């Protein structure tokens, strides 16, 4: 289930006729026409609130998550991963595509808001019933009866979705993320408390079931209150064709995203034991922290910003290249550093019982830069009114990755890691060939944007590896304490010497100063 954002706008005013609610273009004058400077200020504010809240929320969750991982067994995470395949499949139909359709429109009416709420209620009610029906089949496929019991309880998640997706759509139109930030942080604290309490109390795998229910329940209540979006739902869907069609295309794209993101767990879950599957999925969790936790909020802000730039296609292209450059400055050292320090990091953070994840983490970290760049494409092409591009890219990825996983599963978690490395560069190349002309960007611009941080991060990883091999025998935490500062110093020095314009641009963005194009 996708992360939701955190913003606040005035509630849509009741309409007697076809009164519309235009997206506010200024924090000071709701509904005013957007000026470039105003939009730039809104984007910066949105990034601060969205990314800032994401960092705070994730820090809270990670503190609890890593403590819980040390308490629970790998088999618990393997069982939970089996359930996640079903939950992720259902989540692609939960109506977030409809919400995106509302965001993308230039104007919306009160009637459309009520129709969206009605659609969300119908969709998610049907999904809850469908999951209850699928629970016995999932238990039989994985040969784990407890999986069915977990899925029945997790059906409660769908009851919260309408109260998150509707305010998400309304608030995103305003690009004011302050109230959503409060909802995210509060929900994260509640969820982390539930997770840690459950693990300490001895609930085992049920800890992983309860925590998301708490997370989404608290977030839904706060989001609805902040957006004042508790309207009477309309189940008369006449005239909602535009939103429904856009949402349908987005759902199709999410279907292929599901196939590529869950194919590995679906395939491995049948072949691996719960313990081995837990090793693999926990390795994925560690390596995908950046792309799954930090990039999605950036994409949410980017989609809203790109949608406001539709009259200036060149501006979308320039913004996309700048976004790629800023993201990869942070992503590349994270992934290469993770590959270079996998063993001491795993032993320090997770403990010795997770030692088997270290070689898998090293492999997966090498594939993640390609995945990070890939997921940046979709918001730009969607905002250009071409969501079909993302659908075709998703279909391509689903095919390539599924074939790779079917081959790699024979060699266990290590084989799955090699499958990621082999498949993702090909997937990215095809997606770039298809998407960049739509965005208005040339491939060489992307190469230039990525080159400096990539070279610096590879040099950093090589030096960190050499330093690690030259160290005397040390405990894992002491090794990590030496290697992390070394890596940070090498990367910063390299960028300072060979990529000063990029660093100046990053500093200008942080300081809210104009940046040269």
Protein backbone atom coordinates (compact mmCIF):
# COMPACT_ATOMS: atom_id res chain seq x y z
CA UNK A 1 0.00 0.00 0.00
CA UNK A 2 1.60 3.24 -1.07
CA UNK A 3 2.68 5.79 1.40
CA UNK A 4 0.38 8.75 1.63
CA UNK A 5 1.38 12.36 1.84
CA UNK A 6 0.74 15.07 4.38
CA UNK A 7 -0.75 18.38 3.34
CA UNK A 8 -3.72 20.54 4.17
CA UNK A 9 -6.10 22.64 2.08
CA UNK A 10 -9.44 24.27 2.86
CA UNK A 11 -12.28 21.81 2.50
CA UNK A 12 -14.14 22.05 -0.80
CA UNK A 13 -17.08 24.40 -0.43
CA UNK A 14 -20.54 22.90 -0.91
CA UNK A 15 -21.66 23.46 -4.47
CA UNK A 16 -25.20 24.21 -5.49
CA UNK A 17 -24.28 23.86 -9.13
CA UNK A 18 -21.16 23.07 -11.12
CA UNK A 19 -18.98 25.16 -8.84
CA UNK A 20 -15.36 24.07 -9.06
CA UNK A 21 -12.49 23.93 -6.64
CA UNK A 22 -9.28 24.95 -8.42
CA UNK A 23 -5.99 23.82 -6.94
CA UNK A 24 -4.57 26.55 -4.74
CA UNK A 25 -1.52 28.07 -6.31
CA UNK A 26 -0.31 30.06 -3.36
CA UNK A 27 -0.19 29.45 0.33
CA UNK A 28 -1.41 33.00 0.84
CA UNK A 29 -4.15 33.22 -1.78
CA UNK A 30 -5.95 29.89 -2.25
CA UNK A 31 -7.08 29.51 -5.82
CA UNK A 32 -4.82 32.23 -7.21
CA UNK A 33 -3.11 31.63 -10.55
CA UNK A 34 0.28 30.01 -10.19
CA UNK A 35 3.29 32.16 -10.91
CA UNK A 36 6.67 30.47 -11.53
CA UNK A 37 8.24 31.94 -8.39
CA UNK A 38 5.22 30.96 -6.33
CA UNK A 39 5.32 27.42 -7.72
CA UNK A 40 9.03 27.13 -6.98
CA UNK A 41 8.39 28.23 -3.42
CA UNK A 42 5.56 25.75 -3.07
CA UNK A 43 7.72 22.92 -4.38
CA UNK A 44 10.48 23.76 -1.90
CA UNK A 45 7.99 23.96 0.95
CA UNK A 46 6.38 20.72 -0.14
CA UNK A 47 9.73 18.96 -0.31
CA UNK A 48 10.68 20.20 3.13
CA UNK A 49 7.43 19.07 4.72
CA UNK A 50 7.04 15.85 2.74
CA UNK A 51 10.64 14.68 2.86
CA UNK A 52 11.21 16.11 6.33
CA UNK A 53 8.21 14.33 7.75
CA UNK A 54 9.23 11.17 5.91
CA UNK A 55 12.67 11.30 7.51
CA UNK A 56 11.27 11.89 10.99
CA UNK A 57 8.61 9.22 10.55
CA UNK A 58 11.10 6.73 9.17
CA UNK A 59 13.59 7.41 11.94
CA UNK A 60 10.86 6.59 14.46
CA UNK A 61 9.83 3.48 12.57
CA UNK A 62 13.37 2.30 11.95
CA UNK A 63 14.33 2.54 15.59
CA UNK A 64 11.42 0.23 16.37
CA UNK A 65 11.89 -1.89 13.24
CA UNK A 66 15.51 -2.76 13.91
CA UNK A 67 14.72 -3.53 17.53
CA UNK A 68 11.83 -5.75 16.43
CA UNK A 69 14.02 -7.50 13.84
CA UNK A 70 16.51 -8.35 16.57
CA UNK A 71 13.67 -9.87 18.64
CA UNK A 72 11.74 -11.77 15.97
CA UNK A 73 13.01 -14.70 13.91
CA UNK A 74 13.72 -14.73 10.15
CA UNK A 75 10.80 -17.16 9.72
CA UNK A 76 8.40 -14.49 11.03
CA UNK A 77 9.46 -12.15 8.26
CA UNK A 78 9.20 -14.94 5.72
CA UNK A 79 5.58 -15.60 6.69
CA UNK A 80 4.80 -11.89 6.60
CA UNK A 81 6.35 -11.61 3.12
CA UNK A 82 4.00 -14.34 1.88
CA UNK A 83 1.03 -12.24 3.02
CA UNK A 84 2.50 -9.11 1.46
CA UNK A 85 2.18 -10.61 -2.01
CA UNK A 86 -1.61 -10.68 -1.62
CA UNK A 87 -1.77 -7.29 0.12
CA UNK A 88 0.32 -5.62 -2.56
CA UNK A 89 -1.82 -7.13 -5.31
CA UNK A 90 -4.98 -5.82 -3.65
CA UNK A 91 -3.41 -2.42 -2.92
CA UNK A 92 -2.94 -1.66 -6.61
CA UNK A 93 -6.75 -1.65 -6.92
CA UNK A 94 -7.47 0.38 -3.78
CA UNK A 95 -8.19 3.65 -5.55
CA UNK A 96 -4.97 5.65 -5.33
CA UNK A 97 -5.04 5.83 -9.13
CA UNK A 98 -8.44 7.52 -8.88
CA UNK A 99 -6.96 9.95 -6.36
CA UNK A 100 -4.15 10.73 -8.80
CA UNK A 101 -6.75 11.45 -11.45
CA UNK A 102 -8.31 14.04 -9.17
CA UNK A 103 -4.88 15.63 -8.58
CA UNK A 104 -4.12 15.76 -12.28
CA UNK A 105 -7.31 17.65 -13.21
CA UNK A 106 -7.12 21.42 -13.49
CA UNK A 107 -10.47 21.90 -11.72
CA UNK A 108 -12.68 19.65 -9.63
CA UNK A 109 -16.27 19.94 -8.46
CA UNK A 110 -17.79 19.06 -5.10
CA UNK A 111 -19.74 16.33 -6.86
CA UNK A 112 -16.50 14.74 -8.10
CA UNK A 113 -15.12 14.76 -4.55
CA UNK A 114 -18.18 12.90 -3.29
CA UNK A 115 -18.01 10.48 -6.23
CA UNK A 116 -14.37 9.71 -5.49
CA UNK A 117 -15.22 8.95 -1.88
CA UNK A 118 -18.01 6.63 -3.01
CA UNK A 119 -15.69 4.85 -5.45
CA UNK A 120 -13.10 4.36 -2.74
CA UNK A 121 -15.65 2.86 -0.36
CA UNK A 122 -16.99 0.44 -2.98
CA UNK A 123 -13.54 -0.59 -4.19
CA UNK A 124 -12.05 -1.21 -0.78
CA UNK A 125 -15.10 -3.01 0.55
CA UNK A 126 -14.85 -5.37 -2.41
CA UNK A 127 -11.13 -5.82 -1.81
CA UNK A 128 -11.68 -6.77 1.84
CA UNK A 129 -14.21 -9.43 0.78
CA UNK A 130 -11.89 -10.68 -1.96
CA UNK A 131 -8.98 -11.02 0.46
CA UNK A 132 -11.10 -13.07 2.85
CA UNK A 133 -11.92 -15.36 -0.07
CA UNK A 134 -8.29 -15.66 -1.18
CA UNK A 135 -6.94 -16.45 2.29
CA UNK A 136 -7.45 -20.27 2.07
CA UNK A 137 -5.89 -20.37 -1.41
CA UNK A 138 -2.81 -18.49 -0.19
CA UNK A 139 -2.43 -20.91 2.73
CA UNK A 140 -2.56 -23.86 0.33
CA UNK A 141 -0.09 -22.32 -2.15
CA UNK A 142 2.54 -21.56 0.49
CA UNK A 143 1.67 -24.63 2.57
CA UNK A 144 1.46 -22.38 5.66
CA UNK A 145 -1.99 -22.34 7.39
CA UNK A 146 -1.12 -19.28 9.47
CA UNK A 147 -0.86 -17.20 6.28
CA UNK A 148 -4.64 -17.47 5.83
CA UNK A 149 -5.29 -16.33 9.39
CA UNK A 150 -3.02 -13.34 8.95
CA UNK A 151 -4.70 -12.31 5.71
CA UNK A 152 -8.14 -12.39 7.32
CA UNK A 153 -7.05 -9.94 9.99
CA UNK A 154 -5.17 -7.76 7.50
CA UNK A 155 -8.40 -7.24 5.53
CA UNK A 156 -9.11 -4.50 8.09
CA UNK A 157 -6.54 -2.33 6.31
CA UNK A 158 -8.94 -1.67 3.44
CA UNK A 159 -11.42 -0.01 5.75
CA UNK A 160 -8.92 2.81 6.33
CA UNK A 161 -8.02 3.47 2.69
CA UNK A 162 -10.93 5.80 1.74
CA UNK A 163 -10.08 8.01 4.71
CA UNK A 164 -6.47 8.32 3.52
CA UNK A 165 -6.79 8.44 -0.28
CA UNK A 166 -9.46 11.18 -0.46
CA UNK A 167 -7.65 13.69 1.78
CA UNK A 168 -4.42 12.68 0.03
CA UNK A 169 -5.91 13.79 -3.29
CA UNK A 170 -7.37 17.02 -1.96
CA UNK A 171 -4.30 18.01 0.00
CA UNK A 172 -1.92 17.22 -2.84
CA UNK A 173 -3.71 19.69 -5.06
CA UNK A 174 -2.72 22.45 -2.62
CA UNK A 175 0.93 21.31 -2.31
CA UNK A 176 0.72 22.19 1.38
CA UNK A 177 2.19 19.22 3.20
CA UNK A 178 2.22 20.49 6.76
CA UNK A 179 -0.84 18.67 8.12
CA UNK A 180 0.03 15.44 6.35
CA UNK A 181 3.44 15.64 7.97
CA UNK A 182 1.82 15.72 11.40
CA UNK A 183 -0.40 12.77 10.49
CA UNK A 184 2.53 10.72 9.21
CA UNK A 185 4.69 11.37 12.22
CA UNK A 186 1.91 10.67 14.73
CA UNK A 187 0.91 7.48 12.91
CA UNK A 188 4.52 6.32 12.80
CA UNK A 189 4.93 6.81 16.53
CA UNK A 190 1.72 4.87 17.21
CA UNK A 191 2.71 2.07 14.84
CA UNK A 192 6.26 1.84 16.19
CA UNK A 193 4.94 1.65 19.73
CA UNK A 194 2.53 -1.14 18.76
CA UNK A 195 5.28 -3.07 16.98
CA UNK A 196 7.77 -2.83 19.79
CA UNK A 197 5.15 -3.65 22.40
CA UNK A 198 3.96 -6.68 20.44
CA UNK A 199 7.47 -8.02 19.96
CA UNK A 200 8.35 -7.62 23.65
CA UNK A 201 5.05 -9.20 24.66
CA UNK A 202 5.86 -12.27 22.56
CA UNK A 203 3.27 -11.92 19.78
CA UNK A 204 5.78 -13.09 17.17
CA UNK A 205 4.61 -12.70 13.58
CA UNK A 206 1.34 -11.09 14.73
CA UNK A 207 3.42 -8.06 15.69
CA UNK A 208 3.92 -7.47 11.97
CA UNK A 209 0.16 -7.69 11.37
CA UNK A 210 -0.94 -5.32 14.11
CA UNK A 211 1.55 -2.51 13.47
CA UNK A 212 0.32 -1.58 9.93
CA UNK A 213 -3.30 -1.61 11.08
CA UNK A 214 -2.42 0.92 13.78
CA UNK A 215 -0.40 2.97 11.29
CA UNK A 216 -3.17 3.31 8.71
CA UNK A 217 -5.94 3.79 11.27
CA UNK A 218 -4.20 6.73 12.96
CA UNK A 219 -3.10 8.23 9.64
CA UNK A 220 -6.61 7.97 8.19
CA UNK A 221 -8.22 9.64 11.19
CA UNK A 222 -5.73 12.52 11.23
CA UNK A 223 -5.72 13.02 7.45
CA UNK A 224 -9.50 13.17 7.31
CA UNK A 225 -9.64 15.66 10.16
CA UNK A 226 -6.89 17.84 8.67
CA UNK A 227 -8.44 17.99 5.20
CA UNK A 228 -12.03 18.26 6.48
CA UNK A 229 -12.79 15.64 3.85
CA UNK A 230 -15.52 13.70 5.65
CA UNK A 231 -18.17 14.28 2.98
CA UNK A 232 -21.28 12.25 2.21
CA UNK A 233 -20.25 9.70 -0.44
CA UNK A 234 -22.01 9.60 -3.79
CA UNK A 235 -22.59 6.22 -5.42
CA UNK A 236 -23.95 7.79 -8.59
CA UNK A 237 -20.88 7.65 -10.78
CA UNK A 238 -22.31 9.26 -13.90
CA UNK A 239 -19.96 11.93 -15.21
CA UNK A 240 -16.93 10.50 -13.39
CA UNK A 241 -15.54 8.89 -16.53
CA UNK A 242 -12.43 11.07 -16.72
CA UNK A 243 -11.30 10.21 -13.20
CA UNK A 244 -12.25 6.55 -13.66
CA UNK A 245 -10.35 6.22 -16.95
CA UNK A 246 -7.25 7.89 -15.55
CA UNK A 247 -7.46 5.74 -12.44
CA UNK A 248 -7.89 2.64 -14.58
CA UNK A 249 -4.73 3.36 -16.54
CA UNK A 250 -2.85 4.07 -13.32
CA UNK A 251 -4.16 0.78 -11.87
CA UNK A 252 -2.94 -1.05 -14.96
CA UNK A 253 0.49 0.45 -14.41
CA UNK A 254 0.35 -0.62 -10.78
CA UNK A 255 -0.57 -4.15 -11.91
CA UNK A 256 2.68 -4.45 -13.79
CA UNK A 257 4.52 -2.82 -10.89
CA UNK A 258 3.03 -5.51 -8.68
CA UNK A 259 4.18 -8.24 -11.04
CA UNK A 260 7.75 -6.97 -11.05
CA UNK A 261 7.94 -6.01 -7.36
CA UNK A 262 6.33 -9.16 -5.96
CA UNK A 263 7.32 -11.77 -8.53
CA UNK A 264 10.46 -12.60 -6.58
CA UNK A 265 8.62 -13.24 -3.30
CA UNK A 266 5.83 -15.14 -5.06
CA UNK A 267 8.34 -17.39 -6.83
CA UNK A 268 10.72 -17.75 -3.88
CA UNK A 269 7.92 -18.27 -1.36
CA UNK A 270 7.03 -21.54 -3.02
CA UNK A 271 10.64 -22.77 -3.12
CA UNK A 272 12.21 -21.31 0.03
CA UNK A 273 11.51 -22.16 3.65
CA UNK A 274 10.07 -19.31 5.77
CA UNK A 275 13.56 -18.85 7.27
CA UNK A 276 15.29 -18.53 3.88
CA UNK A 277 12.56 -16.28 2.53
CA UNK A 278 12.96 -14.10 5.63
CA UNK A 279 16.68 -13.79 4.92
CA UNK A 280 15.99 -12.71 1.34
CA UNK A 281 13.19 -10.25 2.11
CA UNK A 282 15.12 -8.66 4.98
CA UNK A 283 18.05 -8.16 2.61
CA UNK A 284 15.65 -6.45 0.23
CA UNK A 285 14.36 -4.27 3.06
CA UNK A 286 17.86 -3.04 3.88
CA UNK A 287 18.87 -2.31 0.30
CA UNK A 288 15.56 -0.71 -0.70
CA UNK A 289 15.34 1.67 2.25
CA UNK A 290 16.25 4.65 0.11
CA UNK A 291 14.24 3.84 -3.02
CA UNK A 292 11.15 2.67 -1.13
CA UNK A 293 11.08 5.20 1.72
CA UNK A 294 12.70 8.40 0.48
CA UNK A 295 12.03 8.42 -3.27
CA UNK A 296 8.21 7.94 -3.12
CA UNK A 297 7.57 11.21 -1.23
CA UNK A 298 9.82 13.02 -3.68
CA UNK A 299 7.84 11.49 -6.54
CA UNK A 300 4.57 12.59 -4.96
CA UNK A 301 5.76 16.18 -4.79
CA UNK A 302 7.24 15.89 -8.29
CA UNK A 303 3.95 14.66 -9.76
CA UNK A 304 2.03 17.61 -8.31
CA UNK A 305 4.73 20.03 -9.51
CA UNK A 306 5.00 18.51 -13.00
CA UNK A 307 1.21 18.64 -13.35
CA UNK A 308 1.38 22.39 -12.74
CA UNK A 309 4.04 22.78 -15.47
CA UNK A 310 2.03 21.19 -18.28
CA UNK A 311 1.94 24.45 -20.23
CA UNK A 312 5.77 24.50 -20.34
CA UNK A 313 7.10 21.08 -21.44
CA UNK A 314 10.70 22.32 -21.40
CA UNK A 315 10.33 23.18 -17.71
CA UNK A 316 9.32 19.58 -16.96
CA UNK A 317 12.43 18.31 -18.71
CA UNK A 318 14.73 20.67 -16.85
CA UNK A 319 13.08 19.85 -13.53
CA UNK A 320 13.38 16.13 -14.21
CA UNK A 321 17.11 16.29 -14.93
CA UNK A 322 17.72 18.41 -11.86
CA UNK A 323 15.67 15.97 -9.77
CA UNK A 324 17.68 13.01 -11.04
CA UNK A 325 20.92 14.78 -10.19
CA UNK A 326 19.82 15.67 -6.66
CA UNK A 327 18.47 12.17 -5.91
CA UNK A 328 21.51 10.34 -7.22
CA UNK A 329 23.89 12.53 -5.19
CA UNK A 330 22.40 10.87 -2.12
CA UNK A 331 21.46 7.48 -3.58
CA UNK A 332 24.82 6.47 -5.03
CA UNK A 333 26.93 6.74 -1.85
CA UNK A 334 24.15 5.01 0.09
CA UNK A 335 24.08 1.98 -2.21
CA UNK A 336 27.82 1.69 -2.80
CA UNK A 337 28.51 2.21 0.90
CA UNK A 338 25.98 -0.49 1.73
CA UNK A 339 27.69 -2.92 -0.62
CA UNK A 340 31.11 -2.14 0.89
CA UNK A 341 30.05 -2.40 4.55
CA UNK A 342 27.31 -5.06 4.35
CA UNK A 343 28.80 -7.52 6.83
CA UNK A 344 29.65 -5.17 9.73
CA UNK A 345 26.41 -3.26 9.15
CA UNK A 346 24.23 -6.39 9.32
CA UNK A 347 26.00 -7.72 12.41
CA UNK A 348 25.80 -4.35 14.17
CA UNK A 349 22.20 -3.46 13.33
CA UNK A 350 20.47 -6.83 13.10
CA UNK A 351 22.66 -9.21 15.08
CA UNK A 352 24.48 -12.45 14.36
CA UNK A 353 21.34 -14.48 13.54
CA UNK A 354 20.97 -12.37 10.39
CA UNK A 355 24.56 -12.95 9.19
CA UNK A 356 23.28 -14.79 6.11
CA UNK A 357 21.84 -11.55 4.73
CA UNK A 358 25.23 -9.85 4.28
CA UNK A 359 26.26 -11.40 0.92
CA UNK A 360 22.72 -10.94 -0.40
CA UNK A 361 22.75 -7.27 0.63
CA UNK A 362 26.03 -6.77 -1.23
CA UNK A 363 24.51 -8.09 -4.46
CA UNK A 364 21.19 -6.29 -4.20
CA UNK A 365 22.85 -2.95 -3.42
CA UNK A 366 24.51 -3.02 -6.84
CA UNK A 367 21.12 -3.23 -8.58
CA UNK A 368 19.39 -0.50 -6.60
CA UNK A 369 20.83 2.55 -8.47
CA UNK A 370 19.12 1.28 -11.62
CA UNK A 371 15.85 0.80 -9.76
CA UNK A 372 16.04 4.28 -8.23
CA UNK A 373 16.49 5.94 -11.61
CA UNK A 374 13.71 3.82 -13.08
CA UNK A 375 11.06 4.87 -10.55
CA UNK A 376 11.77 8.57 -11.22
CA UNK A 377 10.40 8.27 -14.78
CA UNK A 378 6.74 7.64 -14.00
CA UNK A 379 5.66 10.93 -12.33
CA UNK A 380 6.99 12.98 -15.23
CA UNK A 381 5.32 10.90 -17.96
CA UNK A 382 2.08 10.69 -15.96
CA UNK A 383 1.98 14.45 -15.46
CA UNK A 384 2.44 14.92 -19.22
CA UNK A 385 -0.85 13.05 -19.61
CA UNK A 386 0.87 9.88 -20.82
CA UNK A 387 0.26 7.29 -18.07
CA UNK A 388 0.31 4.61 -20.75
CA UNK A 389 4.10 5.01 -20.89
CA UNK A 390 4.39 3.84 -17.30
CA UNK A 391 2.06 0.92 -18.06
CA UNK A 392 4.23 -0.27 -20.95
CA UNK A 393 7.38 0.17 -18.89
CA UNK A 394 5.81 -1.83 -16.08
CA UNK A 395 4.87 -4.62 -18.46
CA UNK A 396 8.43 -4.73 -19.76
CA UNK A 397 9.86 -4.87 -16.25
CA UNK A 398 7.41 -7.54 -15.16
CA UNK A 399 8.46 -9.79 -18.04
CA UNK A 400 12.21 -9.26 -17.70
CA UNK A 401 12.34 -9.57 -13.91
CA UNK A 402 10.02 -12.58 -13.73
CA UNK A 403 12.20 -14.51 -16.19
CA UNK A 404 15.31 -13.56 -14.22
CA UNK A 405 13.76 -14.65 -10.90
CA UNK A 406 12.58 -17.98 -12.32
CA UNK A 407 16.18 -18.70 -13.26
CA UNK A 408 17.82 -17.23 -10.15
CA UNK A 409 15.59 -18.97 -7.56
CA UNK A 410 17.46 -22.24 -8.18
CA UNK A 411 20.50 -20.81 -6.39
CA UNK A 412 18.72 -19.46 -3.35
CA UNK A 413 18.89 -15.85 -2.12
CA UNK A 414 22.26 -15.34 -3.81
CA UNK A 415 20.79 -16.38 -7.15
CA UNK A 416 17.94 -13.93 -6.64
CA UNK A 417 20.46 -11.14 -6.01
CA UNK A 418 22.29 -11.96 -9.24
CA UNK A 419 18.95 -11.94 -11.06
CA UNK A 420 18.37 -8.35 -9.92
CA UNK A 421 21.79 -7.29 -11.20
CA UNK A 422 21.27 -8.97 -14.56
CA UNK A 423 17.71 -7.78 -15.22
CA UNK A 424 17.44 -4.20 -13.98
CA UNK A 425 19.96 -2.47 -16.30
CA UNK A 426 18.13 -3.95 -19.30
CA UNK A 427 14.77 -2.88 -17.89
CA UNK A 428 16.06 0.66 -17.26
CA UNK A 429 17.51 0.97 -20.76
CA UNK A 430 14.20 0.04 -22.42
CA UNK A 431 12.23 2.35 -20.12
CA UNK A 432 14.57 5.26 -20.79
CA UNK A 433 14.31 4.74 -24.55
CA UNK A 434 10.53 4.87 -24.29
CA UNK A 435 10.11 7.62 -21.66
CA UNK A 436 12.78 10.27 -22.16
CA UNK A 437 11.37 11.61 -25.48
CA UNK A 438 7.99 12.11 -23.80
CA UNK A 439 9.58 14.06 -20.94
CA UNK A 440 11.69 16.04 -23.40
CA UNK A 441 15.08 14.88 -22.11
CA UNK A 442 18.03 13.34 -23.97
CA UNK A 443 19.84 10.27 -22.68
CA UNK A 444 23.15 12.09 -22.49
CA UNK A 445 21.64 14.64 -20.08
CA UNK A 446 20.74 11.80 -17.71
CA UNK A 447 24.20 10.27 -18.08
CA UNK A 448 25.79 13.61 -17.17
CA UNK A 449 23.46 14.01 -14.20
CA UNK A 450 24.38 10.58 -12.83
CA UNK A 451 28.06 10.41 -13.78
CA UNK A 452 29.64 12.51 -11.02
CA UNK A 453 27.94 10.88 -8.01
CA UNK A 454 28.32 7.42 -9.57
CA UNK A 455 32.08 7.75 -10.10
CA UNK A 456 32.56 9.29 -6.66
CA UNK A 457 30.55 6.53 -4.97
CA UNK A 458 32.39 3.73 -6.79
CA UNK A 459 35.73 5.25 -5.79
CA UNK A 460 34.46 5.52 -2.22
CA UNK A 461 33.38 1.86 -2.17
CA UNK A 462 36.75 0.71 -3.53
CA UNK A 463 38.71 2.66 -0.91
CA UNK A 464 36.41 1.54 1.92
CA UNK A 465 36.87 -2.09 0.84
CA UNK A 466 40.66 -1.70 0.83
CA UNK A 467 40.61 -0.09 4.27
CA UNK A 468 38.36 -2.85 5.61
CA UNK A 469 40.75 -5.55 4.39
CA UNK A 470 43.71 -3.79 5.97
CA UNK A 471 42.12 -3.46 9.41
CA UNK A 472 43.18 -5.78 12.23
CA UNK A 473 40.50 -8.13 13.61
CA UNK A 474 37.79 -5.94 15.16
CA UNK A 475 34.24 -6.37 16.36
CA UNK A 476 31.64 -5.50 13.76
CA UNK A 477 30.56 -2.25 15.38
CA UNK A 478 34.15 -0.99 15.56
CA UNK A 479 34.73 -1.88 11.91
CA UNK A 480 31.62 0.05 10.99
CA UNK A 481 32.68 3.00 13.13
CA UNK A 482 35.94 3.20 11.14
CA UNK A 483 34.54 2.55 7.65
CA UNK A 484 31.60 4.97 7.65
CA UNK A 485 33.69 8.13 8.32
CA UNK A 486 36.27 6.97 5.78
CA UNK A 487 33.58 6.52 3.14
CA UNK A 488 31.96 9.87 3.91
CA UNK A 489 35.29 11.68 3.72
CA UNK A 490 36.25 10.04 0.42
CA UNK A 491 32.90 10.78 -1.23
CA UNK A 492 32.77 14.38 -0.03
CA UNK A 493 36.36 15.01 -1.10
CA UNK A 494 35.85 13.49 -4.54
CA UNK A 495 32.69 15.52 -5.16
CA UNK A 496 34.39 18.65 -3.89
CA UNK A 497 37.31 18.19 -6.26
CA UNK A 498 35.57 16.96 -9.41
CA UNK A 499 31.91 17.96 -9.15
CA UNK A 500 31.82 21.44 -7.65
CA UNK A 501 28.95 22.73 -9.87
CA UNK A 502 26.77 19.85 -8.69
CA UNK A 503 27.57 20.60 -5.06
CA UNK A 504 26.84 24.29 -5.57
CA UNK A 505 23.49 23.42 -7.13
CA UNK A 506 22.61 21.17 -4.18
CA UNK A 507 23.55 23.89 -1.69
CA UNK A 508 21.46 26.41 -3.61
CA UNK A 509 18.43 24.12 -3.49
CA UNK A 510 18.82 23.58 0.24
CA UNK A 511 19.21 27.32 0.83
CA UNK A 512 16.20 28.09 -1.42
CA UNK A 513 18.37 30.12 -3.80
CA UNK A 514 17.96 30.25 -7.60
CA UNK A 515 20.02 27.66 -9.42
CA UNK A 516 21.56 28.12 -12.85
CA UNK A 517 19.96 25.99 -15.55
